[in-house]
C-alpha atoms as a PDB file:
ATOM      1  CA  UNK A   1      97.125  93.530  95.396  1.00  0.00           C
ATOM      2  CA  UNK A   2      95.599  96.602  93.754  1.00  0.00           C
ATOM      3  CA  UNK A   3      97.036  99.597  95.558  1.00  0.00           C
ATOM      4  CA  UNK A   4      97.649 103.313  95.152  1.00  0.00           C
ATOM      5  CA  UNK A   5     100.714 104.858  96.791  1.00  0.00           C
ATOM      6  CA  UNK A   6      99.814 108.486  97.408  1.00  0.00           C
ATOM      7  CA  UNK A   7     102.048 111.206  98.804  1.00  0.00           C
ATOM      8  CA  UNK A   8     104.121 114.277  97.967  1.00  0.00           C
ATOM      9  CA  UNK A   9     107.258 114.223  95.798  1.00  0.00           C
ATOM     10  CA  UNK A  10     110.148 112.705  97.750  1.00  0.00           C
ATOM     11  CA  UNK A  11     107.959 110.712 100.132  1.00  0.00           C
ATOM     12  CA  UNK A  12     109.559 107.401  99.112  1.00  0.00           C
ATOM     13  CA  UNK A  13     106.728 105.982  97.020  1.00  0.00           C
ATOM     14  CA  UNK A  14     109.031 104.894  94.201  1.00  0.00           C
ATOM     15  CA  UNK A  15     111.545 103.120  96.444  1.00  0.00           C
ATOM     16  CA  UNK A  16     108.853 101.184  98.270  1.00  0.00           C
ATOM     17  CA  UNK A  17     106.670 100.415  95.258  1.00  0.00           C
ATOM     18  CA  UNK A  18     109.600  98.969  93.263  1.00  0.00           C
ATOM     19  CA  UNK A  19     110.557  96.529  96.012  1.00  0.00           C
ATOM     20  CA  UNK A  20     107.023  95.523  96.984  1.00  0.00           C
ATOM     21  CA  UNK A  21     105.888  95.096  93.378  1.00  0.00           C
ATOM     22  CA  UNK A  22     108.780  92.665  92.898  1.00  0.00           C
ATOM     23  CA  UNK A  23     107.923  90.884  96.156  1.00  0.00           C
ATOM     24  CA  UNK A  24     104.231  90.563  95.326  1.00  0.00           C
ATOM     25  CA  UNK A  25     104.707  89.765  91.631  1.00  0.00           C
ATOM     26  CA  UNK A  26     102.677  92.710  90.329  1.00  0.00           C
ATOM     27  CA  UNK A  27     103.735  95.619  88.083  1.00  0.00           C
ATOM     28  CA  UNK A  28     104.780  98.961  89.504  1.00  0.00           C
ATOM     29  CA  UNK A  29     102.986 101.559  87.408  1.00  0.00           C
ATOM     30  CA  UNK A  30     105.048 104.718  87.918  1.00  0.00           C
ATOM     31  CA  UNK A  31     103.800 107.683  85.931  1.00  0.00           C
ATOM     32  CA  UNK A  32     106.997 109.653  86.526  1.00  0.00           C
ATOM     33  CA  UNK A  33     109.107 106.966  84.865  1.00  0.00           C
ATOM     34  CA  UNK A  34     106.619 106.619  82.016  1.00  0.00           C
ATOM     35  CA  UNK A  35     106.827 110.359  81.358  1.00  0.00           C
ATOM     36  CA  UNK A  36     110.630 110.470  81.598  1.00  0.00           C
ATOM     37  CA  UNK A  37     110.852 107.678  79.013  1.00  0.00           C
ATOM     38  CA  UNK A  38     108.715 109.805  76.696  1.00  0.00           C
ATOM     39  CA  UNK A  39     111.011 112.796  77.368  1.00  0.00           C
ATOM     40  CA  UNK A  40     114.125 110.734  76.602  1.00  0.00           C
ATOM     41  CA  UNK A  41     112.552 109.475  73.369  1.00  0.00           C
ATOM     42  CA  UNK A  42     111.822 113.044  72.271  1.00  0.00           C
ATOM     43  CA  UNK A  43     108.207 112.314  71.338  1.00  0.00           C
ATOM     44  CA  UNK A  44     105.704 115.185  71.042  1.00  0.00           C
ATOM     45  CA  UNK A  45     104.242 114.084  74.373  1.00  0.00           C
ATOM     46  CA  UNK A  46     107.735 113.905  75.830  1.00  0.00           C
ATOM     47  CA  UNK A  47     108.639 117.431  74.731  1.00  0.00           C
ATOM     48  CA  UNK A  48     105.443 118.857  76.174  1.00  0.00           C
ATOM     49  CA  UNK A  49     105.869 116.844  79.382  1.00  0.00           C
ATOM     50  CA  UNK A  50     109.443 118.139  79.796  1.00  0.00           C
ATOM     51  CA  UNK A  51     108.305 121.738  79.503  1.00  0.00           C
ATOM     52  CA  UNK A  52     105.611 121.154  82.125  1.00  0.00           C
ATOM     53  CA  UNK A  53     107.763 119.127  84.543  1.00  0.00           C
ATOM     54  CA  UNK A  54     110.657 121.613  84.375  1.00  0.00           C
ATOM     55  CA  UNK A  55     108.264 124.315  85.561  1.00  0.00           C
ATOM     56  CA  UNK A  56     107.110 122.126  88.482  1.00  0.00           C
ATOM     57  CA  UNK A  57     103.498 121.951  87.251  1.00  0.00           C
ATOM     58  CA  UNK A  58     101.364 118.828  86.818  1.00  0.00           C
ATOM     59  CA  UNK A  59     100.905 117.074  83.472  1.00  0.00           C
ATOM     60  CA  UNK A  60      97.278 117.474  82.198  1.00  0.00           C
ATOM     61  CA  UNK A  61      94.708 114.912  83.314  1.00  0.00           C
ATOM     62  CA  UNK A  62      93.830 113.652  79.842  1.00  0.00           C
ATOM     63  CA  UNK A  63      97.457 112.758  79.093  1.00  0.00           C
ATOM     64  CA  UNK A  64      97.936 110.900  82.368  1.00  0.00           C
ATOM     65  CA  UNK A  65      94.603 109.071  82.156  1.00  0.00           C
ATOM     66  CA  UNK A  66      95.421 107.849  78.655  1.00  0.00           C
ATOM     67  CA  UNK A  67      98.818 106.517  79.777  1.00  0.00           C
ATOM     68  CA  UNK A  68      97.336 104.696  82.769  1.00  0.00           C
ATOM     69  CA  UNK A  69      94.417 103.197  80.846  1.00  0.00           C
ATOM     70  CA  UNK A  70      96.801 101.762  78.265  1.00  0.00           C
ATOM     71  CA  UNK A  71      99.070 100.315  80.973  1.00  0.00           C
ATOM     72  CA  UNK A  72      96.362  98.705  83.125  1.00  0.00           C
ATOM     73  CA  UNK A  73      94.915  96.915  80.096  1.00  0.00           C
ATOM     74  CA  UNK A  74      98.170  94.996  79.604  1.00  0.00           C
ATOM     75  CA  UNK A  75      98.093  91.319  80.670  1.00  0.00           C
ATOM     76  CA  UNK A  76     100.611  91.605  83.518  1.00  0.00           C
ATOM     77  CA  UNK A  77      98.327  94.056  85.357  1.00  0.00           C
ATOM     78  CA  UNK A  78      95.362  91.670  85.414  1.00  0.00           C
ATOM     79  CA  UNK A  79      96.456  90.110  88.714  1.00  0.00           C
ATOM     80  CA  UNK A  80      97.219  93.368  90.515  1.00  0.00           C
ATOM     81  CA  UNK A  81      99.344  96.513  90.440  1.00  0.00           C
ATOM     82  CA  UNK A  82     100.816  99.324  92.483  1.00  0.00           C
ATOM     83  CA  UNK A  83     100.036 102.793  91.141  1.00  0.00           C
ATOM     84  CA  UNK A  84     102.858 105.208  91.989  1.00  0.00           C
ATOM     85  CA  UNK A  85     102.209 108.868  91.167  1.00  0.00           C
ATOM     86  CA  UNK A  86      98.627 108.442  89.975  1.00  0.00           C
ATOM     87  CA  UNK A  87      96.017 109.748  90.553  1.00  0.00           C
ATOM     88  CA  UNK A  88      96.997 113.314  91.449  1.00  0.00           C
ATOM     89  CA  UNK A  89      93.668 115.062  90.978  1.00  0.00           C
ATOM     90  CA  UNK A  90      90.013 114.314  91.703  1.00  0.00           C
ATOM     91  CA  UNK A  91      89.340 114.092  87.958  1.00  0.00           C
ATOM     92  CA  UNK A  92      92.060 111.433  87.626  1.00  0.00           C
ATOM     93  CA  UNK A  93      90.656 109.523  90.603  1.00  0.00           C
ATOM     94  CA  UNK A  94      87.171 109.524  89.097  1.00  0.00           C
ATOM     95  CA  UNK A  95      88.542 108.405  85.722  1.00  0.00           C
ATOM     96  CA  UNK A  96      90.501 105.618  87.442  1.00  0.00           C
ATOM     97  CA  UNK A  97      87.365 104.457  89.257  1.00  0.00           C
ATOM     98  CA  UNK A  98      85.534 104.201  85.924  1.00  0.00           C
ATOM     99  CA  UNK A  99      88.472 102.403  84.298  1.00  0.00           C
ATOM    100  CA  UNK A 100      88.722  99.803  87.072  1.00  0.00           C
ATOM    101  CA  UNK A 101      84.978  99.217  86.906  1.00  0.00           C
ATOM    102  CA  UNK A 102      85.250  98.607  83.150  1.00  0.00           C
ATOM    103  CA  UNK A 103      88.088  96.137  83.791  1.00  0.00           C
ATOM    104  CA  UNK A 104      86.144  94.360  86.544  1.00  0.00           C
ATOM    105  CA  UNK A 105      88.684  95.297  89.225  1.00  0.00           C
ATOM    106  CA  UNK A 106      88.364  96.843  92.668  1.00  0.00           C
ATOM    107  CA  UNK A 107      90.912  98.911  94.550  1.00  0.00           C
ATOM    108  CA  UNK A 108      92.203  97.372  97.806  1.00  0.00           C
ATOM    109  CA  UNK A 109      93.588 100.494  99.485  1.00  0.00           C
ATOM    110  CA  UNK A 110      95.196 103.913  99.077  1.00  0.00           C
ATOM    111  CA  UNK A 111      98.344 104.252 101.186  1.00  0.00           C
ATOM    112  CA  UNK A 112      99.277 107.837 102.013  1.00  0.00           C
ATOM    113  CA  UNK A 113     102.957 108.484 102.782  1.00  0.00           C
ATOM    114  CA  UNK A 114     103.259 111.153 105.501  1.00  0.00           C
ATOM    115  CA  UNK A 115     106.553 113.130 105.485  1.00  0.00           C
ATOM    116  CA  UNK A 116     107.272 116.615 106.921  1.00  0.00           C
ATOM    117  CA  UNK A 117     108.096 119.333 104.358  1.00  0.00           C
ATOM    118  CA  UNK A 118     111.673 120.047 105.584  1.00  0.00           C
ATOM    119  CA  UNK A 119     112.501 116.373 105.140  1.00  0.00           C
ATOM    120  CA  UNK A 120     110.967 116.363 101.646  1.00  0.00           C
ATOM    121  CA  UNK A 121     113.099 119.348 100.598  1.00  0.00           C
ATOM    122  CA  UNK A 122     116.232 117.669 102.005  1.00  0.00           C
ATOM    123  CA  UNK A 123     115.501 114.454 100.138  1.00  0.00           C
ATOM    124  CA  UNK A 124     114.672 116.022  96.788  1.00  0.00           C
ATOM    125  CA  UNK A 125     117.401 118.650  96.551  1.00  0.00           C
ATOM    126  CA  UNK A 126     120.085 116.111  97.479  1.00  0.00           C
ATOM    127  CA  UNK A 127     119.143 113.610  94.794  1.00  0.00           C
ATOM    128  CA  UNK A 128     121.567 112.963  91.899  1.00  0.00           C
ATOM    129  CA  UNK A 129     121.075 110.693  88.870  1.00  0.00           C
ATOM    130  CA  UNK A 130     123.544 109.028  86.532  1.00  0.00           C
ATOM    131  CA  UNK A 131     123.236 110.334  82.959  1.00  0.00           C
ATOM    132  CA  UNK A 132     124.062 106.896  81.539  1.00  0.00           C
ATOM    133  CA  UNK A 133     122.305 104.273  83.686  1.00  0.00           C
ATOM    134  CA  UNK A 134     119.912 106.478  85.725  1.00  0.00           C
ATOM    135  CA  UNK A 135     121.118 105.021  89.053  1.00  0.00           C
ATOM    136  CA  UNK A 136     120.008 107.349  91.861  1.00  0.00           C
ATOM    137  CA  UNK A 137     122.231 108.660  94.655  1.00  0.00           C
ATOM    138  CA  UNK A 138     121.746 111.120  97.494  1.00  0.00           C
ATOM    139  CA  UNK A 139     124.395 113.543  98.712  1.00  0.00           C
ATOM    140  CA  UNK A 140     123.551 112.812 102.364  1.00  0.00           C
ATOM    141  CA  UNK A 141     121.873 109.428 102.707  1.00  0.00           C
ATOM    142  CA  UNK A 142     123.404 107.510  99.764  1.00  0.00           C
ATOM    143  CA  UNK A 143     126.413 109.397  98.334  1.00  0.00           C
ATOM    144  CA  UNK A 144     128.588 107.996  95.530  1.00  0.00           C
ATOM    145  CA  UNK A 145     132.089 106.783  96.422  1.00  0.00           C
ATOM    146  CA  UNK A 146     133.551 109.520  94.193  1.00  0.00           C
ATOM    147  CA  UNK A 147     131.851 112.918  94.035  1.00  0.00           C
ATOM    148  CA  UNK A 148     129.940 113.366  90.800  1.00  0.00           C
ATOM    149  CA  UNK A 149     130.676 109.842  89.489  1.00  0.00           C
ATOM    150  CA  UNK A 150     128.297 106.865  89.326  1.00  0.00           C
ATOM    151  CA  UNK A 151     129.435 103.823  91.338  1.00  0.00           C
ATOM    152  CA  UNK A 152     127.812 101.447  88.859  1.00  0.00           C
ATOM    153  CA  UNK A 153     128.985 102.620  85.439  1.00  0.00           C
ATOM    154  CA  UNK A 154     131.266 105.612  85.998  1.00  0.00           C
ATOM    155  CA  UNK A 155     128.839 108.004  84.340  1.00  0.00           C
ATOM    156  CA  UNK A 156     128.396 111.650  85.273  1.00  0.00           C
ATOM    157  CA  UNK A 157     125.937 112.442  88.053  1.00  0.00           C
ATOM    158  CA  UNK A 158     123.589 115.387  87.647  1.00  0.00           C
ATOM    159  CA  UNK A 159     120.729 117.127  89.422  1.00  0.00           C
ATOM    160  CA  UNK A 160     117.422 117.123  87.560  1.00  0.00           C
ATOM    161  CA  UNK A 161     116.025 120.588  86.911  1.00  0.00           C
ATOM    162  CA  UNK A 162     112.907 119.699  88.876  1.00  0.00           C
ATOM    163  CA  UNK A 163     115.095 118.840  91.921  1.00  0.00           C
ATOM    164  CA  UNK A 164     116.422 122.407  92.409  1.00  0.00           C
ATOM    165  CA  UNK A 165     115.230 123.940  95.692  1.00  0.00           C
ATOM    166  CA  UNK A 166     113.036 126.586  94.043  1.00  0.00           C
ATOM    167  CA  UNK A 167     111.322 124.012  91.830  1.00  0.00           C
ATOM    168  CA  UNK A 168     111.002 121.533  94.706  1.00  0.00           C
ATOM    169  CA  UNK A 169     109.204 124.082  96.874  1.00  0.00           C
ATOM    170  CA  UNK A 170     106.933 124.962  93.971  1.00  0.00           C
ATOM    171  CA  UNK A 171     106.182 121.276  93.359  1.00  0.00           C
ATOM    172  CA  UNK A 172     105.223 120.829  96.995  1.00  0.00           C
ATOM    173  CA  UNK A 173     102.972 123.875  96.812  1.00  0.00           C
ATOM    174  CA  UNK A 174     101.297 122.533  93.668  1.00  0.00           C
ATOM    175  CA  UNK A 175     100.873 119.185  95.407  1.00  0.00           C
ATOM    176  CA  UNK A 176      99.232 120.761  98.446  1.00  0.00           C
ATOM    177  CA  UNK A 177      96.821 122.763  96.310  1.00  0.00           C
ATOM    178  CA  UNK A 178      95.846 120.178  93.718  1.00  0.00           C
ATOM    179  CA  UNK A 179      96.522 116.735  95.176  1.00  0.00           C
ATOM    180  CA  UNK A 180      95.712 116.980  98.872  1.00  0.00           C
ATOM    181  CA  UNK A 181      91.927 116.930  98.181  1.00  0.00           C
ATOM    182  CA  UNK A 182      92.433 113.285  97.176  1.00  0.00           C
ATOM    183  CA  UNK A 183      92.906 112.475 100.852  1.00  0.00           C
ATOM    184  CA  UNK A 184      89.319 113.462 101.572  1.00  0.00           C
ATOM    185  CA  UNK A 185      88.116 111.718  98.408  1.00  0.00           C
ATOM    186  CA  UNK A 186      89.565 108.356  99.457  1.00  0.00           C
ATOM    187  CA  UNK A 187      88.936 108.886 103.168  1.00  0.00           C
ATOM    188  CA  UNK A 188      85.211 109.254 102.450  1.00  0.00           C
ATOM    189  CA  UNK A 189      85.325 105.924 100.616  1.00  0.00           C
ATOM    190  CA  UNK A 190      87.033 104.197 103.536  1.00  0.00           C
ATOM    191  CA  UNK A 191      90.095 103.357 101.429  1.00  0.00           C
ATOM    192  CA  UNK A 192      92.731 105.716 102.865  1.00  0.00           C
ATOM    193  CA  UNK A 193      95.477 104.387 105.158  1.00  0.00           C
ATOM    194  CA  UNK A 194      98.214 106.730 106.444  1.00  0.00           C
ATOM    195  CA  UNK A 195     101.813 105.487 106.638  1.00  0.00           C
ATOM    196  CA  UNK A 196     104.509 107.310 108.611  1.00  0.00           C
ATOM    197  CA  UNK A 197     107.168 107.450 105.892  1.00  0.00           C
ATOM    198  CA  UNK A 198     110.130 108.827 107.875  1.00  0.00           C
ATOM    199  CA  UNK A 199     112.718 106.571 109.475  1.00  0.00           C
ATOM    200  CA  UNK A 200     114.204 103.213 108.501  1.00  0.00           C
ATOM    201  CA  UNK A 201     113.203 101.995 105.033  1.00  0.00           C
ATOM    202  CA  UNK A 202     112.625  98.428 106.256  1.00  0.00           C
ATOM    203  CA  UNK A 203     110.339  99.602 109.077  1.00  0.00           C
ATOM    204  CA  UNK A 204     108.294 101.665 106.610  1.00  0.00           C
ATOM    205  CA  UNK A 205     108.063  98.659 104.287  1.00  0.00           C
ATOM    206  CA  UNK A 206     106.801  96.467 107.124  1.00  0.00           C
ATOM    207  CA  UNK A 207     104.102  99.038 107.901  1.00  0.00           C
ATOM    208  CA  UNK A 208     103.043  99.012 104.241  1.00  0.00           C
ATOM    209  CA  UNK A 209     102.865  95.207 104.199  1.00  0.00           C
ATOM    210  CA  UNK A 210     100.648  95.199 107.307  1.00  0.00           C
ATOM    211  CA  UNK A 211      98.352  97.881 105.899  1.00  0.00           C
ATOM    212  CA  UNK A 212      98.042  96.158 102.516  1.00  0.00           C
ATOM    213  CA  UNK A 213      97.318  92.776 104.094  1.00  0.00           C
ATOM    214  CA  UNK A 214      94.674  94.257 106.393  1.00  0.00           C
ATOM    215  CA  UNK A 215      92.944  95.924 103.446  1.00  0.00           C
ATOM    216  CA  UNK A 216      92.429  92.729 101.458  1.00  0.00           C
END
C-alpha cells in the first residue's frame, strides 16, 4: 500500500493511519509527529517549527519535503507507506510526485477524510496530552479516569497551544485556503477517494480498507 491520508486537522487521520499501518505492515509517516520530535529535541528546526505551529501556520515546503524525502528512502518504506499530514500544498504534491518517480514507486490512492467544521473544533479543543508519555485523551469522547491525570503513567495532562479554540479555527482557515486545492489536484489525476470520517471508528476503518483495496 502506498497511500496519502488527506484531511483537515482533527479529521482522524492519525488514529486510522497508526492502526492500518500496523495491520498492513507498512510505516506510518506522520509529519506532525516528526516535527514534534524536533521541537522536543530543541534543534534549530524544532525551534523554528514550534514558533510556526504555535501561530497555526504551515511549516515551509522545503523543510517538509526534506523530511519526507529522507524518510521514504529508508528501507522499511520500500514496500509501502501511509503518508499522514503530507502533502499540504500543491508544491509539496509535485515534489512528492518527483520523489516517488525517482524511487520507482507509484501512489495507490489519496483518501480524503470528510468532517464538518463544528465537529473538528469539538475534537481538537477537547484533546489533552500527557506531558510524560504523550498518551492522548479527549474531555468528551475519551476522558481520563481522574481529571488532569494520565491513566497510563500518572503524568499531568495539558492542552497543546495549537489546540486552543482561536488557534484551531485559524488552523482550519489556513487549511481551507492552502490545502483544499489538493483535492482538485488529485481528483484530476483520478486518485482521490472521499471517506466519511464521522461516526464509529471501526466503521470508518472498514471504509478505508475497502477504498484502499479497490485502488490497488
